[in-house]
Amino acid sequence: MEQMQNNSLTQTSTHNPQMRGELVRGDWEGLYQTSTEWLKTEQGQPVATFIQNIACLFINPPAIIRNKRYLDTVRSQDWKVVLSWFKEFQTESDRHSPYFQALDFILQPSSKKQESIESALQEHPNQAELLFLQAVALRDRGASIEKLKLAVQNMPEFPAALYLLGIFSLQMNQVDAAEGYLKRAVEIAPDFLEAHYQLASLYSLYVPNSAEQVSRHLNKVIELDPEGGAGKDAKKVLEGKTEPQYGQRIGSRTGGRRGGMSILTILGISLLTVVLFSGPIASLFKITSPTVGVLAGLFVFIGLYSAFGRKK
């Protein structure tokens, strides 16, 4: 046991300087790679796992899909390790860095999150990462859209923000805008499974004579997730056995579709997840990490088709 603890301390001291430089520069790709390398030598290391999952929000949407179970399985003990690490990792001068402020926001308790993000944005009003996190945390769709647009304006290659803009636009029946955002997301991140599925849904439900586009994006979903829920659902759609599980038909009186889950329902469940994981569930299981409240809703939203999508 003592040897394992010593090895962990050695790995931390080895990777901390590298991660510090990457965080100071806002090099999320570097942080993702460094944490991934760390996990190869120390599987399940709490700090490396945390950094990997946060970094993938900004650079690697497919990893968000793969790692969406992270928040469901993380232990309170691991969060305590991360909180303790960050307290030592962040210096006084780092408190004014937008990238350190992004991590600080995620680690803040729910009661302090609004103050934390507003303070950070006062210093860095156009910082894409901070705007994205604020948009996720807000419960006002219109305000979230404006924050996401500003985030994309300041970080054009931000696939997760573009994806959420596509989702919100589709919810508002702004089909052309939704198509543009989702197409841009898959251009930047060709393996963004969920964006491909949403595009297939959009073309199927809204665009006449678009069978070729539907087939192309569904086949990409099958390629990326052959044995998973998304891949299996895409096969059923191609075989004509069901309709895509996302989207709403324009002019639908019920606002939803047979055999699927409307975007309003998806968003409602996601917001409920945020509330539950920030309050009752956190209290019940003594979860100290505030990330559960903010990111659980996002991860549930992104992965909802595989866990909650209703079949025909």
Protein backbone atom coordinates (compact mmCIF):
# COMPACT_ATOMS: atom_id res chain seq x y z
CA MET A 1 0.00 0.00 0.00
CA GLU A 2 2.78 2.42 0.91
CA GLN A 3 4.57 1.57 -2.33
CA MET A 4 1.39 2.34 -4.32
CA GLN A 5 1.00 5.69 -2.58
CA ASN A 6 4.63 6.54 -3.29
CA ASN A 7 4.17 5.65 -6.96
CA SER A 8 1.09 7.86 -7.11
CA LEU A 9 2.96 10.78 -5.57
CA THR A 10 5.79 10.25 -8.04
CA GLN A 11 3.40 10.30 -10.99
CA THR A 12 1.70 13.44 -9.64
CA SER A 13 5.00 15.26 -9.23
CA THR A 14 6.01 14.17 -12.72
CA HIS A 15 2.83 15.26 -14.49
CA ASN A 16 1.95 18.38 -12.49
CA PRO A 17 4.61 20.64 -14.12
CA GLN A 18 3.56 19.49 -17.59
CA MET A 19 -0.13 20.00 -16.87
CA ARG A 20 0.55 23.39 -15.34
CA GLY A 21 2.20 24.63 -18.52
CA GLU A 22 -0.61 23.24 -20.64
CA LEU A 23 -3.31 24.77 -18.45
CA VAL A 24 -1.60 28.17 -18.42
CA ARG A 25 -1.62 28.08 -22.25
CA GLY A 26 -5.16 26.71 -22.44
CA ASP A 27 -3.81 23.66 -24.27
CA TRP A 28 -6.76 21.30 -23.72
CA GLU A 29 -5.49 18.86 -26.33
CA GLY A 30 -2.20 18.64 -24.43
CA LEU A 31 -4.03 18.20 -21.13
CA TYR A 32 -6.11 15.41 -22.63
CA GLN A 33 -3.02 13.62 -23.91
CA THR A 34 -1.06 14.09 -20.69
CA SER A 35 -3.89 12.77 -18.55
CA THR A 36 -4.36 9.84 -20.93
CA GLU A 37 -0.67 8.95 -20.65
CA TRP A 38 -0.90 9.24 -16.87
CA LEU A 39 -3.86 6.85 -16.83
CA LYS A 40 -1.85 4.30 -18.80
CA THR A 41 0.64 4.09 -15.94
CA GLU A 42 -1.86 4.57 -13.11
CA GLN A 43 -5.29 3.34 -14.12
CA GLY A 44 -8.19 5.14 -12.45
CA GLN A 45 -6.03 7.92 -11.00
CA PRO A 46 -8.61 10.50 -9.79
CA VAL A 47 -6.77 13.65 -10.91
CA ALA A 48 -5.88 12.24 -14.33
CA THR A 49 -9.46 11.02 -14.80
CA PHE A 50 -10.85 14.43 -13.86
CA ILE A 51 -8.52 16.35 -16.18
CA GLN A 52 -9.19 13.97 -19.07
CA ASN A 53 -12.96 14.34 -18.76
CA ILE A 54 -12.86 18.12 -18.45
CA ALA A 55 -10.42 18.55 -21.32
CA CYS A 56 -12.59 16.45 -23.62
CA LEU A 57 -15.43 18.94 -23.18
CA PHE A 58 -13.44 21.44 -25.20
CA ILE A 59 -11.61 19.34 -27.78
CA ASN A 60 -12.97 15.82 -28.12
CA PRO A 61 -16.75 15.31 -28.18
CA PRO A 62 -16.46 11.57 -29.01
CA ALA A 63 -14.64 11.17 -25.70
CA ILE A 64 -17.61 12.79 -23.96
CA ILE A 65 -19.74 9.94 -25.28
CA ARG A 66 -17.23 7.28 -24.25
CA ASN A 67 -16.69 8.76 -20.82
CA LYS A 68 -20.28 9.70 -19.99
CA ARG A 69 -20.43 7.05 -17.25
CA TYR A 70 -17.64 8.85 -15.40
CA LEU A 71 -19.94 11.01 -13.30
CA ASP A 72 -22.20 8.07 -12.51
CA THR A 73 -19.39 5.98 -11.07
CA VAL A 74 -17.03 8.49 -9.48
CA ARG A 75 -16.51 7.99 -5.76
CA SER A 76 -16.68 10.67 -3.10
CA GLN A 77 -13.18 9.66 -2.03
CA ASP A 78 -11.87 10.40 -5.52
CA TRP A 79 -13.48 13.84 -5.55
CA LYS A 80 -11.78 14.62 -2.28
CA VAL A 81 -8.45 13.70 -3.87
CA VAL A 82 -9.15 16.04 -6.81
CA LEU A 83 -10.20 18.90 -4.53
CA SER A 84 -7.10 18.45 -2.40
CA TRP A 85 -4.89 18.32 -5.48
CA PHE A 86 -6.37 21.48 -6.98
CA LYS A 87 -5.96 23.37 -3.73
CA GLU A 88 -2.23 22.69 -3.86
CA PHE A 89 -1.98 22.93 -7.65
CA GLN A 90 -3.50 26.43 -7.97
CA THR A 91 -1.36 29.32 -6.80
CA GLU A 92 -2.52 32.84 -6.00
CA SER A 93 -1.45 34.11 -9.43
CA ASP A 94 -3.41 31.31 -11.12
CA ARG A 95 -6.68 32.66 -9.74
CA HIS A 96 -6.76 35.19 -12.59
CA SER A 97 -6.16 32.63 -15.34
CA PRO A 98 -9.37 31.84 -17.26
CA TYR A 99 -8.36 28.20 -17.61
CA PHE A 100 -7.78 27.76 -13.89
CA GLN A 101 -11.04 29.64 -13.34
CA ALA A 102 -12.84 27.09 -15.53
CA LEU A 103 -11.59 24.23 -13.32
CA ASP A 104 -12.37 26.26 -10.22
CA PHE A 105 -15.96 26.79 -11.39
CA ILE A 106 -16.45 23.06 -11.95
CA LEU A 107 -15.11 22.25 -8.51
CA GLN A 108 -17.10 24.89 -6.67
CA PRO A 109 -20.12 23.80 -4.60
CA SER A 110 -23.46 24.56 -6.25
CA SER A 111 -24.14 27.52 -4.00
CA LYS A 112 -20.99 29.29 -5.21
CA LYS A 113 -21.05 28.45 -8.89
CA GLN A 114 -22.94 31.52 -10.11
CA GLU A 115 -20.67 33.87 -8.19
CA SER A 116 -17.62 31.99 -9.44
CA ILE A 117 -18.52 32.12 -13.15
CA GLU A 118 -19.70 35.73 -13.03
CA SER A 119 -16.49 36.80 -11.34
CA ALA A 120 -14.43 34.91 -13.91
CA LEU A 121 -16.33 36.45 -16.83
CA GLN A 122 -15.88 39.94 -15.44
CA GLU A 123 -12.15 39.42 -15.91
CA HIS A 124 -12.49 37.49 -19.18
CA PRO A 125 -15.85 38.40 -20.77
CA ASN A 126 -15.09 36.72 -24.09
CA GLN A 127 -13.43 33.54 -22.86
CA ALA A 128 -15.01 30.68 -24.81
CA GLU A 129 -14.56 27.99 -22.16
CA LEU A 130 -16.12 30.11 -19.44
CA LEU A 131 -19.02 31.12 -21.70
CA PHE A 132 -19.64 27.47 -22.59
CA LEU A 133 -19.71 26.41 -18.93
CA GLN A 134 -22.06 29.28 -18.10
CA ALA A 135 -24.36 28.30 -20.98
CA VAL A 136 -24.51 24.72 -19.71
CA ALA A 137 -25.25 25.87 -16.18
CA LEU A 138 -27.97 28.37 -17.16
CA ARG A 139 -31.61 27.34 -17.20
CA ASP A 140 -32.61 30.02 -19.68
CA ARG A 141 -32.46 28.69 -23.25
CA GLY A 142 -32.29 32.12 -24.83
CA ALA A 143 -29.45 33.25 -22.60
CA SER A 144 -27.64 29.94 -23.16
CA ILE A 145 -27.85 30.40 -26.92
CA GLU A 146 -26.33 33.88 -26.72
CA LYS A 147 -23.50 32.60 -24.53
CA LEU A 148 -22.82 29.72 -26.91
CA LYS A 149 -22.82 32.03 -29.93
CA LEU A 150 -20.27 34.25 -28.24
CA ALA A 151 -18.21 31.21 -27.27
CA VAL A 152 -18.13 30.02 -30.90
CA GLN A 153 -17.33 33.53 -32.09
CA ASN A 154 -14.24 33.50 -29.91
CA MET A 155 -13.38 29.82 -30.49
CA PRO A 156 -14.66 28.90 -33.97
CA GLU A 157 -13.50 25.28 -33.73
CA PHE A 158 -15.54 24.37 -30.65
CA PRO A 159 -17.57 21.30 -31.65
CA ALA A 160 -19.37 20.78 -28.33
CA ALA A 161 -20.66 24.38 -28.36
CA LEU A 162 -21.69 24.09 -32.01
CA TYR A 163 -23.51 20.86 -31.23
CA LEU A 164 -25.52 22.43 -28.42
CA LEU A 165 -26.33 25.40 -30.65
CA GLY A 166 -27.64 22.92 -33.21
CA ILE A 167 -29.80 21.22 -30.61
CA PHE A 168 -31.27 24.47 -29.32
CA SER A 169 -31.88 25.72 -32.87
CA LEU A 170 -33.68 22.51 -33.80
CA GLN A 171 -35.82 22.82 -30.69
CA MET A 172 -36.85 26.29 -31.87
CA ASN A 173 -37.64 24.93 -35.37
CA GLN A 174 -34.73 26.89 -36.85
CA VAL A 175 -33.83 24.01 -39.15
CA ASP A 176 -31.37 25.82 -41.43
CA ALA A 177 -29.41 27.18 -38.48
CA ALA A 178 -29.43 23.78 -36.76
CA GLU A 179 -28.13 22.11 -39.93
CA GLY A 180 -25.33 24.66 -40.20
CA TYR A 181 -24.19 24.24 -36.62
CA LEU A 182 -24.31 20.43 -36.71
CA LYS A 183 -22.53 20.21 -40.06
CA ARG A 184 -19.79 22.47 -38.74
CA ALA A 185 -19.48 20.27 -35.63
CA VAL A 186 -18.86 17.12 -37.67
CA GLU A 187 -16.48 18.96 -39.99
CA ILE A 188 -14.34 19.81 -36.97
CA ALA A 189 -14.88 16.47 -35.20
CA PRO A 190 -15.60 13.81 -37.87
CA ASP A 191 -16.20 11.14 -35.23
CA PHE A 192 -18.76 13.16 -33.28
CA LEU A 193 -21.32 10.35 -33.20
CA GLU A 194 -24.17 12.31 -31.65
CA ALA A 195 -23.89 15.16 -34.15
CA HIS A 196 -24.09 12.65 -37.02
CA TYR A 197 -27.22 11.13 -35.50
CA GLN A 198 -28.82 14.53 -35.06
CA LEU A 199 -28.07 15.43 -38.67
CA ALA A 200 -29.65 12.19 -39.85
CA SER A 201 -32.70 12.98 -37.72
CA LEU A 202 -32.90 16.53 -39.03
CA TYR A 203 -32.74 15.44 -42.69
CA SER A 204 -35.23 12.60 -42.11
CA LEU A 205 -37.81 14.74 -40.33
CA TYR A 206 -37.48 18.12 -41.98
CA VAL A 207 -35.81 17.94 -45.40
CA PRO A 208 -37.61 16.33 -48.36
CA ASN A 209 -35.64 14.08 -50.73
CA SER A 210 -32.70 13.81 -48.37
CA ALA A 211 -32.39 10.00 -48.23
CA GLU A 212 -28.74 10.15 -49.28
CA GLN A 213 -27.80 12.50 -46.43
CA VAL A 214 -29.78 10.43 -43.92
CA SER A 215 -28.06 7.24 -45.05
CA ARG A 216 -24.59 8.80 -44.96
CA HIS A 217 -24.88 10.05 -41.40
CA LEU A 218 -26.61 6.92 -40.09
CA ASN A 219 -23.93 4.72 -41.63
CA LYS A 220 -21.33 6.85 -39.87
CA VAL A 221 -23.17 6.27 -36.58
CA ILE A 222 -23.11 2.52 -37.24
CA GLU A 223 -19.39 2.68 -38.04
CA LEU A 224 -18.66 4.53 -34.81
CA ASP A 225 -20.96 2.52 -32.55
CA PRO A 226 -21.66 -0.87 -34.23
CA GLU A 227 -22.74 -2.71 -31.08
CA GLY A 228 -24.02 0.24 -29.03
CA GLY A 229 -27.49 1.71 -28.67
CA ALA A 230 -26.91 4.41 -31.27
CA GLY A 231 -25.57 2.01 -33.87
CA LYS A 232 -28.42 -0.46 -33.36
CA ASP A 233 -31.00 2.31 -33.56
CA ALA A 234 -29.39 3.66 -36.74
CA LYS A 235 -29.65 0.18 -38.32
CA LYS A 236 -33.36 0.03 -37.48
CA VAL A 237 -33.90 3.45 -39.05
CA LEU A 238 -32.10 2.40 -42.24
CA GLU A 239 -34.19 -0.77 -42.37
CA GLY A 240 -37.38 1.28 -42.02
CA LYS A 241 -38.29 -0.30 -38.69
CA THR A 242 -38.33 2.96 -36.71
CA GLU A 243 -37.74 6.70 -36.99
CA PRO A 244 -34.77 8.61 -35.56
CA GLN A 245 -35.18 9.06 -31.82
CA TYR A 246 -34.56 12.81 -31.84
CA GLY A 247 -36.28 15.82 -33.33
CA GLN A 248 -39.77 17.20 -33.66
CA ARG A 249 -41.88 17.43 -36.78
CA ILE A 250 -42.75 20.95 -37.81
CA GLY A 251 -46.47 21.45 -37.30
CA SER A 252 -46.84 18.55 -34.89
CA ARG A 253 -49.68 19.25 -32.50
CA THR A 254 -48.18 17.22 -29.71
CA GLY A 255 -44.71 18.68 -30.10
CA GLY A 256 -43.20 15.21 -30.18
CA ARG A 257 -43.05 12.07 -32.30
CA ARG A 258 -44.31 8.56 -32.07
CA GLY A 259 -41.60 6.12 -31.03
CA GLY A 260 -39.15 8.84 -29.97
CA MET A 261 -38.36 11.39 -27.32
CA SER A 262 -38.91 15.06 -28.07
CA ILE A 263 -36.12 17.53 -27.51
CA LEU A 264 -38.25 19.26 -24.89
CA THR A 265 -38.40 15.98 -22.97
CA ILE A 266 -34.66 15.45 -23.41
CA LEU A 267 -33.90 18.92 -22.06
CA GLY A 268 -36.38 18.45 -19.20
CA ILE A 269 -34.74 15.21 -18.09
CA SER A 270 -31.29 16.80 -18.40
CA LEU A 271 -32.31 19.75 -16.21
CA LEU A 272 -33.88 17.36 -13.70
CA THR A 273 -30.57 15.48 -13.61
CA VAL A 274 -28.74 18.72 -12.80
CA VAL A 275 -31.15 19.46 -9.94
CA LEU A 276 -31.04 15.95 -8.50
CA PHE A 277 -27.28 15.53 -8.68
CA SER A 278 -26.73 18.98 -7.20
CA GLY A 279 -29.08 18.40 -4.30
CA PRO A 280 -30.85 15.26 -3.05
CA ILE A 281 -28.57 12.66 -4.63
CA ALA A 282 -25.44 14.53 -3.62
CA SER A 283 -26.70 14.78 -0.04
CA LEU A 284 -27.87 11.17 0.09
CA PHE A 285 -24.57 9.70 -1.07
CA LYS A 286 -22.42 12.44 0.48
CA ILE A 287 -21.00 13.43 -2.90
CA THR A 288 -18.85 16.48 -2.38
CA SER A 289 -18.07 17.17 -6.04
CA PRO A 290 -20.13 20.01 -7.56
CA THR A 291 -19.17 18.76 -11.03
CA VAL A 292 -21.89 16.16 -10.72
CA GLY A 293 -24.54 18.84 -10.76
CA VAL A 294 -23.18 20.83 -13.72
CA LEU A 295 -21.86 18.11 -16.00
CA ALA A 296 -24.27 15.25 -15.27
CA GLY A 297 -27.00 17.17 -17.09
CA LEU A 298 -24.74 17.73 -20.11
CA PHE A 299 -23.59 14.11 -20.24
CA VAL A 300 -27.15 12.84 -19.87
CA PHE A 301 -28.27 15.22 -22.61
CA ILE A 302 -25.53 14.07 -25.01
CA GLY A 303 -25.98 10.36 -24.31
CA LEU A 304 -29.74 10.24 -23.76
CA TYR A 305 -30.69 8.27 -26.84
CA SER A 306 -28.75 5.20 -25.66
CA ALA A 307 -30.13 5.21 -22.13
CA PHE A 308 -33.63 6.69 -22.35
CA GLY A 309 -34.69 6.78 -26.00
CA ARG A 310 -38.12 5.19 -26.44
CA LYS A 311 -38.41 2.56 -29.12
CA LYS A 312 -41.25 2.09 -31.49
